[in-house]
Amino acid sequence: MNIDIVNDREYNLWEGERVRLRAMVGDDWKTILRFSPDCNGDRLVNFGIELPKTEEQIREFVEKYRDFRNSDTMKMFAIENKQGEYVGGINIQRVNHKNGTFSCGMRLFQPYRNNGFGEEAFRIALRYAFYEMRLQKCNSGCVDINEASIRLHKNIGFKEEGLRRRSIYFNGQFYGDMLFGITREEFEENDSRFLAEKDKEENES
């Protein structure tokens, strides 16, 4: 990494230029409820439209994972922008300590997409998983029409590992399930370039 975590007293693993990761808190259910009617987001993230969530269901979800409860099965982070707005969530899940593998799930609320929040949050989560949890590979995937997710994976350095054809059904059609993977070494190489480019931009400005 291009980060001097020993000598830089300002270094904060959980914070980037645009977003920070924090624990979910009790009131987060209100924001989730407000942005829950998002059928297009459901299709791309959950591979189909879910039934409408009730307030009680959303409260139960937040209660289950707030303050990193049940973090042995899923580490659930809230994504917050620098204005303090709760803009989405990201998790580390399916951790296999024997093989050193894991996956991440992420969703941004509709008004906060396409502005770099997702990539920065994903990089923060991967840094934690690789450099603090001692994991060695992240397995991921998305439906083959999710161009934003495909672009995000490739920007971070994920390699395309395959396509499960006709594996996802929604909107009256079958779609492919694209498989991605990134090792710690691949991420470190990509992230070092990413941080070096940021440093160069800051020095030139």
Protein backbone atom coordinates (compact mmCIF):
# COMPACT_ATOMS: atom_id res chain seq x y z
CA MET A 1 0.00 0.00 0.00
CA ASN A 2 1.00 3.61 -0.51
CA ILE A 3 -0.17 4.52 3.00
CA ASP A 4 2.28 5.05 5.84
CA ILE A 5 0.07 3.75 8.62
CA VAL A 6 2.91 3.78 11.17
CA ASN A 7 3.98 7.42 10.84
CA ASP A 8 0.79 9.06 9.57
CA ARG A 9 -1.13 9.96 12.71
CA GLU A 10 -4.05 11.16 10.61
CA TYR A 11 -4.51 7.77 8.93
CA ASN A 12 -7.99 6.30 9.35
CA LEU A 13 -8.66 2.95 7.67
CA TRP A 14 -12.40 3.56 7.69
CA GLU A 15 -12.37 6.91 5.91
CA GLY A 16 -11.68 8.00 2.34
CA GLU A 17 -12.07 11.25 0.45
CA ARG A 18 -15.79 10.75 -0.20
CA VAL A 19 -17.11 8.26 2.36
CA ARG A 20 -16.48 6.61 5.69
CA LEU A 21 -17.62 3.21 6.96
CA ARG A 22 -19.30 3.00 10.35
CA ALA A 23 -21.43 0.65 12.39
CA MET A 24 -25.14 0.55 11.66
CA VAL A 25 -27.14 2.34 14.34
CA GLY A 26 -30.71 2.11 15.53
CA ASP A 27 -32.15 4.98 13.50
CA ASP A 28 -30.76 3.71 10.18
CA TRP A 29 -34.00 1.83 9.56
CA LYS A 30 -35.72 5.14 8.77
CA THR A 31 -33.41 5.80 5.80
CA ILE A 32 -33.66 2.21 4.57
CA LEU A 33 -37.47 2.42 4.73
CA ARG A 34 -37.47 5.71 2.79
CA PHE A 35 -35.40 4.28 -0.07
CA SER A 36 -36.77 0.71 0.00
CA PRO A 37 -39.14 1.10 -3.02
CA ASP A 38 -36.36 0.55 -5.59
CA CYS A 39 -37.43 -2.19 -7.98
CA ASN A 40 -34.62 -1.65 -10.47
CA GLY A 41 -32.06 -1.80 -7.66
CA ASP A 42 -33.68 -5.00 -6.37
CA ARG A 43 -33.42 -6.63 -9.78
CA LEU A 44 -29.72 -5.94 -10.12
CA VAL A 45 -28.63 -6.56 -6.53
CA ASN A 46 -31.00 -9.32 -5.41
CA PHE A 47 -31.54 -10.88 -8.85
CA GLY A 48 -35.26 -10.18 -8.77
CA ILE A 49 -37.86 -7.95 -7.18
CA GLU A 50 -38.46 -8.61 -3.51
CA LEU A 51 -41.84 -8.24 -1.83
CA PRO A 52 -42.30 -4.83 -0.19
CA LYS A 53 -40.64 -4.67 3.22
CA THR A 54 -42.63 -3.58 6.25
CA GLU A 55 -41.30 -1.17 8.84
CA GLU A 56 -41.10 -4.05 11.31
CA GLN A 57 -38.96 -6.16 8.94
CA ILE A 58 -36.53 -3.32 8.32
CA ARG A 59 -36.30 -2.58 12.05
CA GLU A 60 -35.52 -6.27 12.70
CA PHE A 61 -32.80 -6.24 10.05
CA VAL A 62 -31.11 -3.17 11.54
CA GLU A 63 -31.44 -4.57 15.05
CA LYS A 64 -29.79 -7.82 13.95
CA TYR A 65 -26.66 -6.13 12.59
CA ARG A 66 -26.41 -2.78 14.40
CA ASP A 67 -23.21 -2.16 16.38
CA PHE A 68 -21.59 -5.07 14.47
CA ARG A 69 -23.83 -7.65 16.12
CA ASN A 70 -23.52 -11.12 14.55
CA SER A 71 -20.24 -10.03 12.98
CA ASP A 72 -19.00 -13.61 13.14
CA THR A 73 -21.33 -14.40 10.22
CA MET A 74 -21.51 -11.00 8.49
CA LYS A 75 -19.72 -7.72 9.14
CA MET A 76 -22.27 -5.09 8.19
CA PHE A 77 -21.09 -1.51 7.61
CA ALA A 78 -23.10 1.61 6.94
CA ILE A 79 -21.64 3.91 4.27
CA GLU A 80 -21.76 7.59 5.18
CA ASN A 81 -20.71 10.52 3.00
CA LYS A 82 -18.71 13.45 4.29
CA GLN A 83 -21.92 15.39 4.89
CA GLY A 84 -22.93 12.71 7.42
CA GLU A 85 -25.67 11.22 5.23
CA TYR A 86 -26.31 7.48 5.35
CA VAL A 87 -25.94 6.58 1.67
CA GLY A 88 -25.86 2.76 1.62
CA GLY A 89 -24.28 -0.33 3.09
CA ILE A 90 -21.49 -2.82 2.47
CA ASN A 91 -20.74 -6.11 4.16
CA ILE A 92 -18.06 -8.76 4.41
CA GLN A 93 -19.67 -12.18 4.26
CA ARG A 94 -19.15 -15.86 3.42
CA VAL A 95 -15.80 -15.79 5.21
CA ASN A 96 -13.94 -19.09 4.94
CA HIS A 97 -10.93 -18.90 7.24
CA LYS A 98 -9.57 -22.27 6.10
CA ASN A 99 -9.28 -21.12 2.50
CA GLY A 100 -8.96 -17.41 3.22
CA THR A 101 -11.86 -16.48 0.95
CA PHE A 102 -14.79 -14.12 1.37
CA SER A 103 -17.25 -12.00 -0.55
CA CYS A 104 -18.67 -8.49 -0.24
CA GLY A 105 -22.20 -7.26 -0.81
CA MET A 106 -22.94 -3.60 -1.37
CA ARG A 107 -25.91 -1.40 -2.10
CA LEU A 108 -26.13 2.36 -2.46
CA PHE A 109 -29.42 4.19 -2.17
CA GLN A 110 -30.60 5.47 -5.55
CA PRO A 111 -29.81 9.22 -5.12
CA TYR A 112 -26.18 8.47 -4.21
CA ARG A 113 -25.13 6.25 -7.11
CA ASN A 114 -22.64 7.09 -9.88
CA ASN A 115 -20.46 9.44 -7.87
CA GLY A 116 -17.57 7.26 -6.68
CA PHE A 117 -19.03 6.32 -3.30
CA GLY A 118 -19.26 2.62 -4.19
CA GLU A 119 -15.69 2.18 -5.39
CA GLU A 120 -14.23 3.95 -2.38
CA ALA A 121 -16.36 1.97 0.09
CA PHE A 122 -15.43 -1.30 -1.66
CA ARG A 123 -11.71 -0.45 -1.47
CA ILE A 124 -11.97 0.30 2.25
CA ALA A 125 -13.72 -3.01 2.92
CA LEU A 126 -11.14 -4.93 0.89
CA ARG A 127 -8.24 -3.26 2.71
CA TYR A 128 -9.73 -4.38 6.01
CA ALA A 129 -10.38 -7.95 4.82
CA PHE A 130 -6.93 -8.39 3.23
CA TYR A 131 -4.70 -6.46 5.63
CA GLU A 132 -6.45 -6.95 8.97
CA MET A 133 -8.45 -10.19 8.68
CA ARG A 134 -5.60 -11.97 6.83
CA LEU A 135 -7.89 -13.19 4.05
CA GLN A 136 -6.43 -13.86 0.60
CA LYS A 137 -9.18 -13.76 -2.04
CA CYS A 138 -12.53 -12.08 -2.60
CA ASN A 139 -15.07 -13.88 -4.78
CA SER A 140 -17.80 -11.74 -6.26
CA GLY A 141 -20.29 -11.54 -9.09
CA CYS A 142 -23.19 -9.74 -10.70
CA VAL A 143 -25.89 -10.21 -13.31
CA ASP A 144 -24.42 -9.77 -16.79
CA ILE A 145 -26.50 -6.67 -17.63
CA ASN A 146 -25.29 -4.73 -14.57
CA GLU A 147 -22.82 -2.53 -16.42
CA ALA A 148 -22.12 -0.32 -13.40
CA SER A 149 -21.15 -3.32 -11.26
CA ILE A 150 -19.00 -4.82 -14.02
CA ARG A 151 -17.18 -1.50 -14.41
CA LEU A 152 -16.72 -1.21 -10.63
CA HIS A 153 -15.22 -4.69 -10.32
CA LYS A 154 -12.78 -4.07 -13.18
CA ASN A 155 -11.75 -0.65 -11.82
CA ILE A 156 -10.77 -2.25 -8.51
CA GLY A 157 -8.81 -5.00 -10.27
CA PHE A 158 -11.15 -8.00 -10.18
CA LYS A 159 -10.57 -10.63 -12.85
CA GLU A 160 -13.49 -12.09 -14.77
CA GLU A 161 -13.51 -15.80 -13.92
CA GLY A 162 -16.50 -17.09 -15.80
CA LEU A 163 -20.16 -16.81 -16.72
CA ARG A 164 -22.97 -19.04 -15.52
CA ARG A 165 -25.37 -18.81 -18.45
CA ARG A 166 -29.14 -18.53 -17.93
CA SER A 167 -28.76 -18.68 -14.16
CA ILE A 168 -30.76 -15.61 -13.10
CA TYR A 169 -34.42 -15.00 -13.89
CA PHE A 170 -36.30 -11.73 -13.57
CA ASN A 171 -38.34 -9.37 -15.73
CA GLY A 172 -39.51 -12.37 -17.76
CA GLN A 173 -36.03 -13.26 -19.00
CA PHE A 174 -32.98 -15.36 -18.14
CA TYR A 175 -29.63 -13.66 -17.59
CA GLY A 176 -26.06 -14.77 -16.96
CA ASP A 177 -24.27 -14.69 -13.63
CA MET A 178 -20.82 -13.12 -14.09
CA LEU A 179 -18.13 -14.39 -11.71
CA PHE A 180 -15.27 -12.17 -10.53
CA GLY A 181 -12.35 -12.73 -8.21
CA ILE A 182 -9.42 -10.77 -6.83
CA THR A 183 -6.46 -11.94 -4.75
CA ARG A 184 -4.74 -9.87 -2.11
CA GLU A 185 -1.72 -9.41 -4.41
CA GLU A 186 -3.89 -8.27 -7.34
CA PHE A 187 -5.73 -5.81 -5.13
CA GLU A 188 -2.53 -4.46 -3.60
CA GLU A 189 -1.09 -3.79 -7.06
CA ASN A 190 -4.28 -2.08 -8.25
CA ASP A 191 -4.76 -0.10 -5.04
CA SER A 192 -1.16 1.10 -5.03
CA ARG A 193 -1.65 2.53 -8.52
CA PHE A 194 -4.96 4.06 -7.45
CA LEU A 195 -3.39 5.78 -4.42
CA ALA A 196 -0.36 6.92 -6.42
CA GLU A 197 -2.63 8.54 -9.00
CA LYS A 198 -4.53 10.31 -6.21
CA ASP A 199 -1.27 11.59 -4.73
CA LYS A 200 -0.18 12.87 -8.14
CA GLU A 201 -3.48 14.70 -8.66
CA GLU A 202 -3.23 16.30 -5.22
CA ASN A 203 0.36 17.44 -5.83
CA GLU A 204 -0.54 18.94 -9.21
CA SER A 205 -3.56 20.82 -7.91
